């Protein structure tokens, strides 16, 4: 019993001086990997979400640009047809290309304004 009191409670660990320091260092390394891995996963998720948002915003801008171009075409068409109400069929018959919405919306003409069924 005297032998255990001199060496401490765990006599088989008394010769390994750096064991507890290495164990703490190893545990901190594992925690660091888990911590940074979690944030990398979170940033990948947020990057994916922001990418989808950017794509949707780009499609909305493309739709608005298409509608503005079609409105300019309507003004030019109205010069040659002052008494007629513009329709998509009449514009196509005049050789004006009707663009399409990037998200599959339909364009409708109300006077000289063009509206999209998706983007309004």
PDB file of N, CA and C in Angstrom:
ATOM      1  N   UNK A   1       0.818  -1.187   0.000  1.00  0.00           N
ATOM      2  CA  UNK A   1       0.000   0.000   0.000  1.00  0.00           C
ATOM      3  C   UNK A   1       0.862   1.250   0.000  1.00  0.00           C
ATOM      4  N   UNK A   2       2.004   1.159   0.604  1.00  0.00           N
ATOM      5  CA  UNK A   2       2.921   2.277   0.644  1.00  0.00           C
ATOM      6  C   UNK A   2       3.405   2.642  -0.751  1.00  0.00           C
ATOM      7  N   UNK A   3       3.559   1.633  -1.562  1.00  0.00           N
ATOM      8  CA  UNK A   3       4.038   1.855  -2.920  1.00  0.00           C
ATOM      9  C   UNK A   3       3.055   2.695  -3.741  1.00  0.00           C
ATOM     10  N   UNK A   4       1.755   2.528  -3.565  1.00  0.00           N
ATOM     11  CA  UNK A   4       0.751   3.293  -4.305  1.00  0.00           C
ATOM     12  C   UNK A   4       0.688   4.742  -3.860  1.00  0.00           C
ATOM     13  N   UNK A   5       0.934   5.011  -2.605  1.00  0.00           N
ATOM     14  CA  UNK A   5       0.861   6.389  -2.115  1.00  0.00           C
ATOM     15  C   UNK A   5       2.009   7.226  -2.643  1.00  0.00           C
ATOM     16  N   UNK A   6       3.139   6.648  -2.869  1.00  0.00           N
ATOM     17  CA  UNK A   6       4.267   7.415  -3.370  1.00  0.00           C
ATOM     18  C   UNK A   6       4.075   7.761  -4.846  1.00  0.00           C
ATOM     19  N   UNK A   7       3.546   6.857  -5.573  1.00  0.00           N
ATOM     20  CA  UNK A   7       3.396   7.083  -7.005  1.00  0.00           C
ATOM     21  C   UNK A   7       2.077   7.762  -7.362  1.00  0.00           C
ATOM     22  N   UNK A   8       1.147   7.793  -6.516  1.00  0.00           N
ATOM     23  CA  UNK A   8      -0.143   8.401  -6.819  1.00  0.00           C
ATOM     24  C   UNK A   8      -1.198   7.336  -6.976  1.00  0.00           C
ATOM     25  N   UNK A   9      -2.345   7.736  -7.424  1.00  0.00           N
ATOM     26  CA  UNK A   9      -3.474   6.832  -7.504  1.00  0.00           C
ATOM     27  C   UNK A   9      -3.337   5.832  -8.647  1.00  0.00           C
ATOM     28  N   UNK A  10      -2.776   6.250  -9.782  1.00  0.00           N
ATOM     29  CA  UNK A  10      -2.639   5.395 -10.950  1.00  0.00           C
ATOM     30  C   UNK A  10      -1.161   5.124 -11.208  1.00  0.00           C
ATOM     31  N   UNK A  11      -0.635   4.080 -10.676  1.00  0.00           N
ATOM     32  CA  UNK A  11       0.806   3.843 -10.801  1.00  0.00           C
ATOM     33  C   UNK A  11       1.253   3.556 -12.222  1.00  0.00           C
ATOM     34  N   UNK A  12       0.388   3.024 -13.075  1.00  0.00           N
ATOM     35  CA  UNK A  12       0.796   2.716 -14.439  1.00  0.00           C
ATOM     36  C   UNK A  12       0.924   3.953 -15.319  1.00  0.00           C
ATOM     37  N   UNK A  13       0.438   5.094 -14.865  1.00  0.00           N
ATOM     38  CA  UNK A  13       0.565   6.333 -15.625  1.00  0.00           C
ATOM     39  C   UNK A  13       1.689   7.219 -15.115  1.00  0.00           C
ATOM     40  N   UNK A  14       2.344   6.823 -14.056  1.00  0.00           N
ATOM     41  CA  UNK A  14       3.345   7.691 -13.453  1.00  0.00           C
ATOM     42  C   UNK A  14       4.568   7.853 -14.336  1.00  0.00           C
ATOM     43  N   UNK A  15       4.859   6.914 -15.212  1.00  0.00           N
ATOM     44  CA  UNK A  15       6.023   7.029 -16.086  1.00  0.00           C
ATOM     45  C   UNK A  15       5.711   7.832 -17.349  1.00  0.00           C
ATOM     46  N   UNK A  16       4.494   8.107 -17.613  1.00  0.00           N
ATOM     47  CA  UNK A  16       4.111   8.822 -18.828  1.00  0.00           C
ATOM     48  C   UNK A  16       3.763  10.258 -18.471  1.00  0.00           C
ATOM     49  N   UNK A  17       4.769  11.104 -18.418  1.00  0.00           N
ATOM     50  CA  UNK A  17       4.575  12.474 -17.952  1.00  0.00           C
ATOM     51  C   UNK A  17       3.718  13.313 -18.906  1.00  0.00           C
ATOM     52  N   UNK A  18       3.893  13.174 -20.196  1.00  0.00           N
ATOM     53  CA  UNK A  18       3.177  14.009 -21.146  1.00  0.00           C
ATOM     54  C   UNK A  18       1.839  13.455 -21.576  1.00  0.00           C
ATOM     55  N   UNK A  19       1.374  12.408 -20.965  1.00  0.00           N
ATOM     56  CA  UNK A  19       0.127  11.786 -21.400  1.00  0.00           C
ATOM     57  C   UNK A  19      -1.064  12.732 -21.296  1.00  0.00           C
ATOM     58  N   UNK A  20      -1.221  13.419 -20.213  1.00  0.00           N
ATOM     59  CA  UNK A  20      -2.382  14.284 -20.056  1.00  0.00           C
ATOM     60  C   UNK A  20      -2.306  15.484 -20.994  1.00  0.00           C
ATOM     61  N   UNK A  21      -1.121  16.033 -21.218  1.00  0.00           N
ATOM     62  CA  UNK A  21      -0.974  17.159 -22.139  1.00  0.00           C
ATOM     63  C   UNK A  21      -1.309  16.727 -23.566  1.00  0.00           C
ATOM     64  N   UNK A  22      -0.822  15.573 -23.976  1.00  0.00           N
ATOM     65  CA  UNK A  22      -1.092  15.062 -25.318  1.00  0.00           C
ATOM     66  C   UNK A  22      -2.577  14.750 -25.468  1.00  0.00           C
ATOM     67  N   UNK A  23      -3.190  14.211 -24.443  1.00  0.00           N
ATOM     68  CA  UNK A  23      -4.616  13.901 -24.499  1.00  0.00           C
ATOM     69  C   UNK A  23      -5.439  15.175 -24.666  1.00  0.00           C
ATOM     70  N   UNK A  24      -5.090  16.221 -23.925  1.00  0.00           N
ATOM     71  CA  UNK A  24      -5.806  17.493 -24.038  1.00  0.00           C
ATOM     72  C   UNK A  24      -5.581  18.093 -25.418  1.00  0.00           C
ATOM     73  N   UNK A  25      -4.350  18.020 -25.914  1.00  0.00           N
ATOM     74  CA  UNK A  25      -4.049  18.533 -27.241  1.00  0.00           C
ATOM     75  C   UNK A  25      -4.832  17.776 -28.317  1.00  0.00           C
ATOM     76  N   UNK A  26      -4.905  16.483 -28.193  1.00  0.00           N
ATOM     77  CA  UNK A  26      -5.651  15.661 -29.137  1.00  0.00           C
ATOM     78  C   UNK A  26      -7.143  15.984 -29.088  1.00  0.00           C
ATOM     79  N   UNK A  27      -7.675  16.157 -27.899  1.00  0.00           N
ATOM     80  CA  UNK A  27      -9.095  16.503 -27.758  1.00  0.00           C
ATOM     81  C   UNK A  27      -9.386  17.871 -28.377  1.00  0.00           C
ATOM     82  N   UNK A  28      -8.482  18.828 -28.174  1.00  0.00           N
ATOM     83  CA  UNK A  28      -8.672  20.160 -28.760  1.00  0.00           C
ATOM     84  C   UNK A  28      -8.603  20.094 -30.289  1.00  0.00           C
ATOM     85  N   UNK A  29      -7.745  19.225 -30.800  1.00  0.00           N
ATOM     86  CA  UNK A  29      -7.639  19.058 -32.242  1.00  0.00           C
ATOM     87  C   UNK A  29      -8.933  18.490 -32.825  1.00  0.00           C
ATOM     88  N   UNK A  30      -9.521  17.523 -32.143  1.00  0.00           N
ATOM     89  CA  UNK A  30     -10.789  16.945 -32.594  1.00  0.00           C
ATOM     90  C   UNK A  30     -11.896  17.994 -32.556  1.00  0.00           C
ATOM     91  N   UNK A  31     -11.952  18.756 -31.481  1.00  0.00           N
ATOM     92  CA  UNK A  31     -12.964  19.804 -31.359  1.00  0.00           C
ATOM     93  C   UNK A  31     -12.777  20.846 -32.459  1.00  0.00           C
ATOM     94  N   UNK A  32     -11.528  21.207 -32.760  1.00  0.00           N
ATOM     95  CA  UNK A  32     -11.271  22.198 -33.814  1.00  0.00           C
ATOM     96  C   UNK A  32     -11.735  21.682 -35.175  1.00  0.00           C
ATOM     97  N   UNK A  33     -11.458  20.412 -35.483  1.00  0.00           N
ATOM     98  CA  UNK A  33     -11.919  19.851 -36.749  1.00  0.00           C
ATOM     99  C   UNK A  33     -13.438  19.858 -36.842  1.00  0.00           C
ATOM    100  N   UNK A  34     -14.095  19.485 -35.769  1.00  0.00           N
ATOM    101  CA  UNK A  34     -15.558  19.478 -35.777  1.00  0.00           C
ATOM    102  C   UNK A  34     -16.115  20.894 -35.910  1.00  0.00           C
ATOM    103  N   UNK A  35     -15.509  21.834 -35.200  1.00  0.00           N
ATOM    104  CA  UNK A  35     -15.959  23.226 -35.211  1.00  0.00           C
ATOM    105  C   UNK A  35     -15.833  23.827 -36.607  1.00  0.00           C
ATOM    106  N   UNK A  36     -14.649  23.713 -37.221  1.00  0.00           N
ATOM    107  CA  UNK A  36     -14.447  24.297 -38.537  1.00  0.00           C
ATOM    108  C   UNK A  36     -15.181  23.523 -39.618  1.00  0.00           C
ATOM    109  N   UNK A  37     -15.339  22.232 -39.444  1.00  0.00           N
ATOM    110  CA  UNK A  37     -16.125  21.450 -40.389  1.00  0.00           C
ATOM    111  C   UNK A  37     -17.574  21.881 -40.391  1.00  0.00           C
ATOM    112  N   UNK A  38     -18.108  22.185 -39.218  1.00  0.00           N
ATOM    113  CA  UNK A  38     -19.485  22.648 -39.099  1.00  0.00           C
ATOM    114  C   UNK A  38     -19.660  23.978 -39.826  1.00  0.00           C
ATOM    115  N   UNK A  39     -18.731  24.915 -39.616  1.00  0.00           N
ATOM    116  CA  UNK A  39     -18.864  26.213 -40.272  1.00  0.00           C
ATOM    117  C   UNK A  39     -18.653  26.109 -41.772  1.00  0.00           C
ATOM    118  N   UNK A  40     -17.799  25.203 -42.208  1.00  0.00           N
ATOM    119  CA  UNK A  40     -17.634  25.017 -43.650  1.00  0.00           C
ATOM    120  C   UNK A  40     -18.929  24.482 -44.242  1.00  0.00           C
ATOM    121  N   UNK A  41     -19.581  23.568 -43.530  1.00  0.00           N
ATOM    122  CA  UNK A  41     -20.847  23.027 -44.002  1.00  0.00           C
ATOM    123  C   UNK A  41     -21.912  24.123 -44.019  1.00  0.00           C
ATOM    124  N   UNK A  42     -21.929  24.970 -43.004  1.00  0.00           N
ATOM    125  CA  UNK A  42     -22.903  26.056 -42.958  1.00  0.00           C
ATOM    126  C   UNK A  42     -22.660  27.056 -44.077  1.00  0.00           C
ATOM    127  N   UNK A  43     -21.377  27.358 -44.348  1.00  0.00           N
ATOM    128  CA  UNK A  43     -21.100  28.321 -45.402  1.00  0.00           C
ATOM    129  C   UNK A  43     -21.456  27.742 -46.767  1.00  0.00           C
ATOM    130  N   UNK A  44     -21.268  26.438 -46.950  1.00  0.00           N
ATOM    131  CA  UNK A  44     -21.652  25.824 -48.225  1.00  0.00           C
ATOM    132  C   UNK A  44     -23.159  25.901 -48.412  1.00  0.00           C
ATOM    133  N   UNK A  45     -23.909  25.689 -47.338  1.00  0.00           N
ATOM    134  CA  UNK A  45     -25.370  25.774 -47.412  1.00  0.00           C
ATOM    135  C   UNK A  45     -25.803  27.201 -47.720  1.00  0.00           C
ATOM    136  N   UNK A  46     -25.177  28.187 -47.054  1.00  0.00           N
ATOM    137  CA  UNK A  46     -25.565  29.572 -47.297  1.00  0.00           C
ATOM    138  C   UNK A  46     -25.122  30.021 -48.688  1.00  0.00           C
ATOM    139  N   UNK A  47     -23.959  29.516 -49.164  1.00  0.00           N
ATOM    140  CA  UNK A  47     -23.532  29.849 -50.521  1.00  0.00           C
ATOM    141  C   UNK A  47     -24.511  29.293 -51.541  1.00  0.00           C
ATOM    142  N   UNK A  48     -24.995  28.086 -51.292  1.00  0.00           N
ATOM    143  CA  UNK A  48     -25.954  27.481 -52.207  1.00  0.00           C
ATOM    144  C   UNK A  48     -27.244  28.298 -52.213  1.00  0.00           C
ATOM    145  N   UNK A  49     -27.693  28.710 -51.033  1.00  0.00           N
ATOM    146  CA  UNK A  49     -28.928  29.496 -50.952  1.00  0.00           C
ATOM    147  C   UNK A  49     -28.756  30.853 -51.613  1.00  0.00           C
ATOM    148  N   UNK A  50     -27.606  31.488 -51.413  1.00  0.00           N
ATOM    149  CA  UNK A  50     -27.396  32.785 -52.055  1.00  0.00           C
ATOM    150  C   UNK A  50     -27.238  32.628 -53.560  1.00  0.00           C
ATOM    151  N   UNK A  51     -26.709  31.486 -54.004  1.00  0.00           N
ATOM    152  CA  UNK A  51     -26.613  31.228 -55.443  1.00  0.00           C
ATOM    153  C   UNK A  51     -27.976  31.107 -56.082  1.00  0.00           C
ATOM    154  N   UNK A  52     -28.890  30.417 -55.406  1.00  0.00           N
ATOM    155  CA  UNK A  52     -30.255  30.280 -55.921  1.00  0.00           C
ATOM    156  C   UNK A  52     -30.937  31.638 -55.956  1.00  0.00           C
ATOM    157  N   UNK A  53     -30.723  32.444 -54.921  1.00  0.00           N
ATOM    158  CA  UNK A  53     -31.302  33.784 -54.886  1.00  0.00           C
ATOM    159  C   UNK A  53     -30.757  34.636 -56.020  1.00  0.00           C
ATOM    160  N   UNK A  54     -29.462  34.522 -56.279  1.00  0.00           N
ATOM    161  CA  UNK A  54     -28.851  35.295 -57.359  1.00  0.00           C
ATOM    162  C   UNK A  54     -29.398  34.860 -58.717  1.00  0.00           C
ATOM    163  N   UNK A  55     -29.598  33.577 -58.899  1.00  0.00           N
ATOM    164  CA  UNK A  55     -30.142  33.080 -60.167  1.00  0.00           C
ATOM    165  C   UNK A  55     -31.566  33.595 -60.372  1.00  0.00           C
ATOM    166  N   UNK A  56     -32.372  33.559 -59.311  1.00  0.00           N
ATOM    167  CA  UNK A  56     -33.745  34.068 -59.420  1.00  0.00           C
ATOM    168  C   UNK A  56     -33.758  35.560 -59.718  1.00  0.00           C
ATOM    169  N   UNK A  57     -32.859  36.307 -59.078  1.00  0.00           N
ATOM    170  CA  UNK A  57     -32.788  37.748 -59.338  1.00  0.00           C
ATOM    171  C   UNK A  57     -32.352  38.011 -60.775  1.00  0.00           C
ATOM    172  N   UNK A  58     -31.424  37.214 -61.269  1.00  0.00           N
ATOM    173  CA  UNK A  58     -30.963  37.376 -62.648  1.00  0.00           C
ATOM    174  C   UNK A  58     -32.087  37.089 -63.634  1.00  0.00           C
ATOM    175  N   UNK A  59     -32.863  36.068 -63.349  1.00  0.00           N
ATOM    176  CA  UNK A  59     -33.995  35.750 -64.238  1.00  0.00           C
ATOM    177  C   UNK A  59     -35.035  36.854 -64.217  1.00  0.00           C
ATOM    178  N   UNK A  60     -35.276  37.447 -63.050  1.00  0.00           N
ATOM    179  CA  UNK A  60     -36.235  38.549 -62.961  1.00  0.00           C
ATOM    180  C   UNK A  60     -35.747  39.756 -63.758  1.00  0.00           C
ATOM    181  N   UNK A  61     -34.441  40.039 -63.678  1.00  0.00           N
ATOM    182  CA  UNK A  61     -33.882  41.156 -64.444  1.00  0.00           C
ATOM    183  C   UNK A  61     -33.967  40.872 -65.942  1.00  0.00           C
ATOM    184  N   UNK A  62     -33.692  39.638 -66.339  1.00  0.00           N
ATOM    185  CA  UNK A  62     -33.792  39.277 -67.757  1.00  0.00           C
ATOM    186  C   UNK A  62     -35.228  39.417 -68.248  1.00  0.00           C
ATOM    187  N   UNK A  63     -36.191  39.033 -67.420  1.00  0.00           N
ATOM    188  CA  UNK A  63     -37.599  39.175 -67.800  1.00  0.00           C
ATOM    189  C   UNK A  63     -37.966  40.653 -67.952  1.00  0.00           C
ATOM    190  N   UNK A  64     -37.501  41.474 -67.011  1.00  0.00           N
ATOM    191  CA  UNK A  64     -37.799  42.907 -67.089  1.00  0.00           C
ATOM    192  C   UNK A  64     -37.181  43.512 -68.353  1.00  0.00           C
ATOM    193  N   UNK A  65     -35.954  43.089 -68.668  1.00  0.00           N
ATOM    194  CA  UNK A  65     -35.303  43.583 -69.884  1.00  0.00           C
ATOM    195  C   UNK A  65     -36.078  43.165 -71.133  1.00  0.00           C
ATOM    196  N   UNK A  66     -36.545  41.923 -71.158  1.00  0.00           N
ATOM    197  CA  UNK A  66     -37.349  41.457 -72.291  1.00  0.00           C
ATOM    198  C   UNK A  66     -38.632  42.266 -72.425  1.00  0.00           C
ATOM    199  N   UNK A  67     -39.283  42.542 -71.297  1.00  0.00           N
ATOM    200  CA  UNK A  67     -40.529  43.321 -71.348  1.00  0.00           C
ATOM    201  C   UNK A  67     -40.273  44.748 -71.816  1.00  0.00           C
ATOM    202  N   UNK A  68     -39.166  45.354 -71.351  1.00  0.00           N
ATOM    203  CA  UNK A  68     -38.839  46.703 -71.797  1.00  0.00           C
ATOM    204  C   UNK A  68     -38.551  46.739 -73.294  1.00  0.00           C
ATOM    205  N   UNK A  69     -37.851  45.720 -73.795  1.00  0.00           N
ATOM    206  CA  UNK A  69     -37.573  45.654 -75.228  1.00  0.00           C
ATOM    207  C   UNK A  69     -38.878  45.498 -76.013  1.00  0.00           C
ATOM    208  N   UNK A  70     -39.767  44.680 -75.499  1.00  0.00           N
ATOM    209  CA  UNK A  70     -41.047  44.490 -76.171  1.00  0.00           C
ATOM    210  C   UNK A  70     -41.870  45.777 -76.144  1.00  0.00           C
ATOM    211  N   UNK A  71     -41.801  46.543 -75.061  1.00  0.00           N
ATOM    212  CA  UNK A  71     -42.504  47.823 -74.998  1.00  0.00           C
ATOM    213  C   UNK A  71     -41.926  48.811 -76.011  1.00  0.00           C
ATOM    214  N   UNK A  72     -40.604  48.807 -76.184  1.00  0.00           N
ATOM    215  CA  UNK A  72     -40.001  49.666 -77.214  1.00  0.00           C
ATOM    216  C   UNK A  72     -40.441  49.225 -78.612  1.00  0.00           C
ATOM    217  N   UNK A  73     -40.519  47.905 -78.809  1.00  0.00           N
ATOM    218  CA  UNK A  73     -40.995  47.400 -80.097  1.00  0.00           C
ATOM    219  C   UNK A  73     -42.447  47.796 -80.350  1.00  0.00           C
ATOM    220  N   UNK A  74     -43.252  47.833 -79.301  1.00  0.00           N
ATOM    221  CA  UNK A  74     -44.656  48.245 -79.440  1.00  0.00           C
ATOM    222  C   UNK A  74     -44.732  49.704 -79.866  1.00  0.00           C
ATOM    223  N   UNK A  75     -43.880  50.550 -79.296  1.00  0.00           N
ATOM    224  CA  UNK A  75     -43.864  51.966 -79.678  1.00  0.00           C
ATOM    225  C   UNK A  75     -43.497  52.103 -81.153  1.00  0.00           C
ATOM    226  N   UNK A  76     -42.486  51.344 -81.574  1.00  0.00           N
ATOM    227  CA  UNK A  76     -42.084  51.398 -82.994  1.00  0.00           C
ATOM    228  C   UNK A  76     -43.192  50.842 -83.893  1.00  0.00           C
ATOM    229  N   UNK A  77     -43.855  49.796 -83.462  1.00  0.00           N
ATOM    230  CA  UNK A  77     -44.950  49.212 -84.238  1.00  0.00           C
ATOM    231  C   UNK A  77     -46.116  50.196 -84.330  1.00  0.00           C
ATOM    232  N   UNK A  78     -46.370  50.923 -83.237  1.00  0.00           N
ATOM    233  CA  UNK A  78     -47.493  51.873 -83.201  1.00  0.00           C
ATOM    234  C   UNK A  78     -47.307  53.019 -84.181  1.00  0.00           C
ATOM    235  N   UNK A  79     -46.074  53.326 -84.549  1.00  0.00           N
ATOM    236  CA  UNK A  79     -45.827  54.389 -85.535  1.00  0.00           C
ATOM    237  C   UNK A  79     -46.437  54.004 -86.874  1.00  0.00           C
ATOM    238  N   UNK A  80     -46.283  52.726 -87.256  1.00  0.00           N
ATOM    239  CA  UNK A  80     -46.829  52.258 -88.539  1.00  0.00           C
ATOM    240  C   UNK A  80     -48.311  51.888 -88.445  1.00  0.00           C
ATOM    241  N   UNK A  81     -48.800  51.625 -87.261  1.00  0.00           N
ATOM    242  CA  UNK A  81     -50.202  51.216 -87.049  1.00  0.00           C
ATOM    243  C   UNK A  81     -50.825  52.090 -85.958  1.00  0.00           C
ATOM    244  N   UNK A  82     -51.084  53.364 -86.259  1.00  0.00           N
ATOM    245  CA  UNK A  82     -51.531  54.290 -85.203  1.00  0.00           C
ATOM    246  C   UNK A  82     -52.925  53.997 -84.644  1.00  0.00           C
ATOM    247  N   UNK A  83     -53.796  53.394 -85.431  1.00  0.00           N
ATOM    248  CA  UNK A  83     -55.166  53.194 -84.974  1.00  0.00           C
ATOM    249  C   UNK A  83     -55.416  51.799 -84.409  1.00  0.00           C
ATOM    250  N   UNK A  84     -54.431  50.937 -84.432  1.00  0.00           N
ATOM    251  CA  UNK A  84     -54.625  49.551 -83.991  1.00  0.00           C
ATOM    252  C   UNK A  84     -54.109  49.355 -82.565  1.00  0.00           C
ATOM    253  N   UNK A  85     -54.760  48.429 -81.898  1.00  0.00           N
ATOM    254  CA  UNK A  85     -54.320  48.027 -80.547  1.00  0.00           C
ATOM    255  C   UNK A  85     -53.270  46.929 -80.711  1.00  0.00           C
ATOM    256  N   UNK A  86     -52.107  47.045 -80.075  1.00  0.00           N
ATOM    257  CA  UNK A  86     -51.076  46.029 -80.261  1.00  0.00           C
ATOM    258  C   UNK A  86     -51.437  44.706 -79.583  1.00  0.00           C
ATOM    259  N   UNK A  87     -51.167  43.626 -80.305  1.00  0.00           N
ATOM    260  CA  UNK A  87     -51.316  42.277 -79.753  1.00  0.00           C
ATOM    261  C   UNK A  87     -50.039  41.507 -80.095  1.00  0.00           C
ATOM    262  N   UNK A  88     -49.836  40.422 -79.411  1.00  0.00           N
ATOM    263  CA  UNK A  88     -48.653  39.611 -79.685  1.00  0.00           C
ATOM    264  C   UNK A  88     -48.682  39.058 -81.107  1.00  0.00           C
ATOM    265  N   UNK A  89     -49.863  38.646 -81.553  1.00  0.00           N
ATOM    266  CA  UNK A  89     -49.983  38.105 -82.914  1.00  0.00           C
ATOM    267  C   UNK A  89     -49.688  39.184 -83.950  1.00  0.00           C
ATOM    268  N   UNK A  90     -50.171  40.413 -83.713  1.00  0.00           N
ATOM    269  CA  UNK A  90     -49.927  41.503 -84.665  1.00  0.00           C
ATOM    270  C   UNK A  90     -48.440  41.859 -84.697  1.00  0.00           C
ATOM    271  N   UNK A  91     -47.787  41.819 -83.555  1.00  0.00           N
ATOM    272  CA  UNK A  91     -46.352  42.116 -83.517  1.00  0.00           C
ATOM    273  C   UNK A  91     -45.553  41.036 -84.248  1.00  0.00           C
ATOM    274  N   UNK A  92     -45.934  39.780 -84.052  1.00  0.00           N
ATOM    275  CA  UNK A  92     -45.247  38.691 -84.751  1.00  0.00           C
ATOM    276  C   UNK A  92     -45.481  38.781 -86.259  1.00  0.00           C
ATOM    277  N   UNK A  93     -46.672  39.172 -86.643  1.00  0.00           N
ATOM    278  CA  UNK A  93     -46.984  39.308 -88.073  1.00  0.00           C
ATOM    279  C   UNK A  93     -46.150  40.418 -88.706  1.00  0.00           C
ATOM    280  N   UNK A  94     -45.788  41.423 -87.898  1.00  0.00           N
ATOM    281  CA  UNK A  94     -44.966  42.526 -88.397  1.00  0.00           C
ATOM    282  C   UNK A  94     -43.480  42.170 -88.389  1.00  0.00           C
ATOM    283  N   UNK A  95     -43.145  40.965 -87.927  1.00  0.00           N
ATOM    284  CA  UNK A  95     -41.751  40.530 -87.933  1.00  0.00           C
ATOM    285  C   UNK A  95     -40.993  40.840 -86.659  1.00  0.00           C
ATOM    286  N   UNK A  96     -41.707  41.204 -85.611  1.00  0.00           N
ATOM    287  CA  UNK A  96     -41.062  41.490 -84.326  1.00  0.00           C
ATOM    288  C   UNK A  96     -40.954  40.190 -83.538  1.00  0.00           C
ATOM    289  N   UNK A  97     -39.751  39.914 -83.079  1.00  0.00           N
ATOM    290  CA  UNK A  97     -39.527  38.697 -82.299  1.00  0.00           C
ATOM    291  C   UNK A  97     -40.069  38.903 -80.882  1.00  0.00           C
ATOM    292  N   UNK A  98     -40.880  37.980 -80.439  1.00  0.00           N
ATOM    293  CA  UNK A  98     -41.450  38.043 -79.093  1.00  0.00           C
ATOM    294  C   UNK A  98     -40.542  37.224 -78.172  1.00  0.00           C
ATOM    295  N   UNK A  99     -39.878  37.876 -77.220  1.00  0.00           N
ATOM    296  CA  UNK A  99     -39.008  37.129 -76.307  1.00  0.00           C
ATOM    297  C   UNK A  99     -39.839  36.315 -75.323  1.00  0.00           C
ATOM    298  N   UNK A 100     -39.182  35.402 -74.643  1.00  0.00           N
ATOM    299  CA  UNK A 100     -39.896  34.593 -73.650  1.00  0.00           C
ATOM    300  C   UNK A 100     -39.303  34.843 -72.267  1.00  0.00           C
ATOM    301  N   UNK A 101     -40.115  34.658 -71.280  1.00  0.00           N
ATOM    302  CA  UNK A 101     -39.686  34.823 -69.891  1.00  0.00           C
ATOM    303  C   UNK A 101     -38.738  33.672 -69.532  1.00  0.00           C
ATOM    304  N   UNK A 102     -37.623  33.948 -68.848  1.00  0.00           N
ATOM    305  CA  UNK A 102     -36.688  32.891 -68.463  1.00  0.00           C
ATOM    306  C   UNK A 102     -37.289  31.856 -67.519  1.00  0.00           C
ATOM    307  N   UNK A 103     -38.343  32.214 -66.810  1.00  0.00           N
ATOM    308  CA  UNK A 103     -38.974  31.273 -65.887  1.00  0.00           C
ATOM    309  C   UNK A 103     -40.265  30.688 -66.440  1.00  0.00           C
ATOM    310  N   UNK A 104     -40.516  30.894 -67.717  1.00  0.00           N
ATOM    311  CA  UNK A 104     -41.673  30.276 -68.353  1.00  0.00           C
ATOM    312  C   UNK A 104     -42.960  31.065 -68.246  1.00  0.00           C
ATOM    313  N   UNK A 105     -42.894  32.310 -67.837  1.00  0.00           N
ATOM    314  CA  UNK A 105     -44.102  33.132 -67.746  1.00  0.00           C
ATOM    315  C   UNK A 105     -44.608  33.539 -69.117  1.00  0.00           C
ATOM    316  N   UNK A 106     -45.868  33.961 -69.149  1.00  0.00           N
ATOM    317  CA  UNK A 106     -46.481  34.420 -70.397  1.00  0.00           C
ATOM    318  C   UNK A 106     -46.545  35.940 -70.374  1.00  0.00           C
ATOM    319  N   UNK A 107     -46.266  36.548 -71.531  1.00  0.00           N
ATOM    320  CA  UNK A 107     -46.363  37.991 -71.653  1.00  0.00           C
ATOM    321  C   UNK A 107     -47.740  38.369 -72.169  1.00  0.00           C
ATOM    322  N   UNK A 108     -48.307  39.393 -71.545  1.00  0.00           N
ATOM    323  CA  UNK A 108     -49.586  39.948 -71.983  1.00  0.00           C
ATOM    324  C   UNK A 108     -49.402  41.444 -72.215  1.00  0.00           C
ATOM    325  N   UNK A 109     -50.088  41.953 -73.219  1.00  0.00           N
ATOM    326  CA  UNK A 109     -49.980  43.378 -73.544  1.00  0.00           C
ATOM    327  C   UNK A 109     -51.239  44.081 -73.073  1.00  0.00           C
ATOM    328  N   UNK A 110     -51.040  45.153 -72.307  1.00  0.00           N
ATOM    329  CA  UNK A 110     -52.140  45.986 -71.834  1.00  0.00           C
ATOM    330  C   UNK A 110     -51.848  47.413 -72.292  1.00  0.00           C
ATOM    331  N   UNK A 111     -52.443  47.783 -73.421  1.00  0.00           N
ATOM    332  CA  UNK A 111     -52.135  49.097 -74.007  1.00  0.00           C
ATOM    333  C   UNK A 111     -50.727  49.068 -74.564  1.00  0.00           C
ATOM    334  N   UNK A 112     -49.840  49.822 -73.948  1.00  0.00           N
ATOM    335  CA  UNK A 112     -48.426  49.803 -74.347  1.00  0.00           C
ATOM    336  C   UNK A 112     -47.539  49.189 -73.270  1.00  0.00           C
ATOM    337  N   UNK A 113     -48.138  48.618 -72.257  1.00  0.00           N
ATOM    338  CA  UNK A 113     -47.378  47.975 -71.182  1.00  0.00           C
ATOM    339  C   UNK A 113     -47.408  46.467 -71.362  1.00  0.00           C
ATOM    340  N   UNK A 114     -46.293  45.854 -71.032  1.00  0.00           N
ATOM    341  CA  UNK A 114     -46.182  44.391 -71.136  1.00  0.00           C
ATOM    342  C   UNK A 114     -46.068  43.841 -69.716  1.00  0.00           C
ATOM    343  N   UNK A 115     -46.882  42.832 -69.419  1.00  0.00           N
ATOM    344  CA  UNK A 115     -46.880  42.199 -68.106  1.00  0.00           C
ATOM    345  C   UNK A 115     -46.511  40.731 -68.251  1.00  0.00           C
ATOM    346  N   UNK A 116     -45.807  40.234 -67.248  1.00  0.00           N
ATOM    347  CA  UNK A 116     -45.431  38.822 -67.212  1.00  0.00           C
ATOM    348  C   UNK A 116     -46.314  38.122 -66.182  1.00  0.00           C
ATOM    349  N   UNK A 117     -46.701  36.889 -66.469  1.00  0.00           N
ATOM    350  CA  UNK A 117     -47.558  36.148 -65.532  1.00  0.00           C
ATOM    351  C   UNK A 117     -46.784  35.725 -64.292  1.00  0.00           C
ATOM    352  N   UNK A 118     -45.455  35.696 -64.357  1.00  0.00           N
ATOM    353  CA  UNK A 118     -44.649  35.282 -63.205  1.00  0.00           C
ATOM    354  C   UNK A 118     -44.115  36.491 -62.438  1.00  0.00           C
ATOM    355  N   UNK A 119     -43.563  37.463 -63.144  1.00  0.00           N
ATOM    356  CA  UNK A 119     -42.871  38.575 -62.491  1.00  0.00           C
ATOM    357  C   UNK A 119     -43.700  39.850 -62.314  1.00  0.00           C
ATOM    358  N   UNK A 120     -44.806  39.941 -62.934  1.00  0.00           N
ATOM    359  CA  UNK A 120     -45.690  41.109 -62.842  1.00  0.00           C
ATOM    360  C   UNK A 120     -44.931  42.335 -63.250  1.00  0.00           C
TER     361      UNK A 120
END
